[in-house]
Amino acid sequence: MRSSIDPAIHVVYLSGPWFLYHDIMRYRLRGRYRLSPAVRREAARWVLFLKTNLPYEWRLARGNALITIAWIVGNVVTLGLMAALAQRRFERHGDFAVWPFIRRSDYETTLAAPPYLKGPSNDGVQPTAPSGRG
């Protein structure tokens, strides 16, 4: 991620899967730690977007350390109201339900030809012989 100049890599990483990570314990996202179907669909949409050649068109947050500190203080003082208003303003720039795609039409077009389902899945692998079990 650090070596990429693609803003989509950075934004998707920091806004998406980062929240599926745990610093203290190791878990495999199975059993009680498994992802809900809604989160699985959302994560699949992040991966799908990253496999396209579409540019990331949502607004990018720009700032320096002073702005970041002011933002944190402002959120504490307003009990999170600043963040809620900023999120609402961000969501108005596209169809947030299909983020990181900005338009539902781009998402649906990509879904119509998913990159992982093109061509044979075992390219170059010999088929296995039938096991003879019925």
Protein backbone atom coordinates (compact mmCIF):
# COMPACT_ATOMS: atom_id res chain seq x y z
CA MET A 1 0.00 0.00 0.00
CA ARG A 2 2.74 2.49 0.88
CA SER A 3 4.38 2.22 -2.53
CA SER A 4 1.16 2.78 -4.50
CA ILE A 5 0.40 6.17 -6.00
CA ASP A 6 -3.21 5.12 -6.64
CA PRO A 7 -5.42 7.05 -4.19
CA ALA A 8 -8.02 4.25 -4.31
CA ILE A 9 -5.56 1.84 -2.67
CA HIS A 10 -5.00 4.20 0.25
CA VAL A 11 -8.62 5.23 0.72
CA VAL A 12 -10.05 1.72 0.46
CA TYR A 13 -7.43 0.37 2.86
CA LEU A 14 -7.97 3.09 5.47
CA SER A 15 -11.77 3.19 5.13
CA GLY A 16 -12.48 -0.47 4.65
CA PRO A 17 -10.51 -3.53 5.71
CA TRP A 18 -8.56 -1.64 8.35
CA PHE A 19 -11.62 -2.05 10.59
CA LEU A 20 -11.57 -5.83 10.08
CA TYR A 21 -8.11 -6.10 11.64
CA HIS A 22 -7.32 -6.74 15.29
CA ASP A 23 -4.04 -5.64 16.90
CA ILE A 24 -4.10 -7.92 19.92
CA MET A 25 -5.59 -11.24 18.93
CA ARG A 26 -5.37 -13.40 15.87
CA TYR A 27 -8.61 -14.63 14.41
CA ARG A 28 -9.60 -16.25 11.14
CA LEU A 29 -13.00 -14.65 10.51
CA ARG A 30 -14.70 -17.99 11.20
CA GLY A 31 -17.15 -19.08 13.85
CA ARG A 32 -18.14 -16.22 16.09
CA TYR A 33 -15.68 -13.92 14.25
CA ARG A 34 -17.08 -14.57 10.78
CA LEU A 35 -18.20 -11.59 8.76
CA SER A 36 -21.90 -10.95 8.35
CA PRO A 37 -23.24 -11.37 4.80
CA ALA A 38 -23.57 -7.57 4.52
CA VAL A 39 -19.91 -6.98 5.44
CA ARG A 40 -18.81 -9.77 3.07
CA ARG A 41 -20.72 -8.09 0.21
CA GLU A 42 -19.17 -4.75 1.08
CA ALA A 43 -15.64 -6.18 1.18
CA ALA A 44 -16.26 -7.92 -2.16
CA ARG A 45 -17.29 -4.53 -3.61
CA TRP A 46 -13.99 -2.98 -2.41
CA VAL A 47 -12.01 -5.73 -4.12
CA LEU A 48 -14.14 -5.47 -7.25
CA PHE A 49 -13.47 -1.73 -7.47
CA LEU A 50 -9.74 -2.23 -7.06
CA LYS A 51 -9.76 -4.71 -9.96
CA THR A 52 -11.26 -2.10 -12.32
CA ASN A 53 -9.45 0.66 -14.14
CA LEU A 54 -11.93 3.21 -12.84
CA PRO A 55 -10.48 6.28 -11.15
CA TYR A 56 -11.36 6.97 -7.53
CA GLU A 57 -13.71 9.95 -7.88
CA TRP A 58 -14.77 10.63 -4.31
CA ARG A 59 -13.30 13.66 -2.56
CA LEU A 60 -9.94 12.99 -0.96
CA ALA A 61 -9.21 14.33 2.49
CA ARG A 62 -6.20 16.60 2.40
CA GLY A 63 -4.51 18.01 5.42
CA ASN A 64 -1.50 18.25 7.61
CA ALA A 65 -0.84 17.51 11.28
CA LEU A 66 -2.28 20.85 12.45
CA ILE A 67 -5.53 20.30 10.54
CA THR A 68 -5.76 16.75 11.91
CA ILE A 69 -5.33 17.96 15.49
CA ALA A 70 -7.93 20.70 14.96
CA TRP A 71 -10.30 18.10 13.48
CA ILE A 72 -9.89 15.80 16.50
CA VAL A 73 -10.41 18.64 18.97
CA GLY A 74 -13.44 19.88 17.00
CA ASN A 75 -15.00 16.42 17.05
CA VAL A 76 -14.46 16.06 20.79
CA VAL A 77 -15.92 19.52 21.50
CA THR A 78 -18.97 18.91 19.25
CA LEU A 79 -19.41 15.30 20.48
CA GLY A 80 -18.93 13.97 16.96
CA LEU A 81 -21.27 16.40 15.22
CA MET A 82 -18.46 17.69 12.99
CA ALA A 83 -17.72 14.17 11.77
CA ALA A 84 -21.39 13.41 11.17
CA LEU A 85 -21.83 16.58 9.10
CA ALA A 86 -18.65 15.90 7.13
CA GLN A 87 -19.81 12.33 6.44
CA ARG A 88 -23.19 13.56 5.22
CA ARG A 89 -21.49 16.11 2.93
CA PHE A 90 -19.15 13.38 1.62
CA GLU A 91 -22.04 11.00 0.89
CA ARG A 92 -23.83 13.61 -1.26
CA HIS A 93 -21.09 13.46 -3.92
CA GLY A 94 -22.11 10.05 -5.23
CA ASP A 95 -24.04 6.88 -4.48
CA PHE A 96 -22.54 5.98 -1.11
CA ALA A 97 -24.33 2.61 -1.12
CA VAL A 98 -21.84 1.44 -3.79
CA TRP A 99 -18.68 3.11 -2.40
CA PRO A 100 -15.84 3.09 -3.58
CA PHE A 101 -17.69 3.23 -6.91
CA ILE A 102 -19.18 6.70 -7.24
CA ARG A 103 -22.02 5.75 -9.59
CA ARG A 104 -24.31 2.74 -9.32
CA SER A 105 -24.09 2.36 -13.10
CA ASP A 106 -20.30 1.82 -12.86
CA TYR A 107 -20.84 -0.80 -10.17
CA GLU A 108 -23.53 -2.61 -12.15
CA THR A 109 -21.44 -2.54 -15.33
CA THR A 110 -18.51 -4.05 -13.45
CA LEU A 111 -20.77 -6.69 -11.89
CA ALA A 112 -21.95 -7.68 -15.36
CA ALA A 113 -18.39 -8.75 -16.26
CA PRO A 114 -16.67 -9.64 -12.97
CA PRO A 115 -12.87 -9.79 -13.34
CA TYR A 116 -12.46 -12.99 -11.34
CA LEU A 117 -14.97 -14.97 -13.38
CA LYS A 118 -13.49 -14.41 -16.82
CA GLY A 119 -12.19 -17.49 -18.60
CA PRO A 120 -11.45 -20.89 -17.14
CA SER A 121 -10.60 -20.89 -13.44
CA ASN A 122 -8.04 -23.69 -13.74
CA ASP A 123 -6.09 -22.20 -16.61
CA GLY A 124 -3.26 -24.58 -17.42
CA VAL A 125 -4.28 -27.18 -14.85
CA GLN A 126 -5.14 -30.70 -15.97
CA PRO A 127 -8.64 -31.88 -15.12
CA THR A 128 -8.84 -34.46 -12.36
CA ALA A 129 -10.00 -37.99 -13.14
CA PRO A 130 -13.41 -39.00 -11.81
CA SER A 131 -13.12 -40.64 -8.42
CA GLY A 132 -15.48 -43.50 -9.30
CA ARG A 133 -17.69 -42.73 -6.35
CA GLY A 134 -21.38 -42.42 -7.12
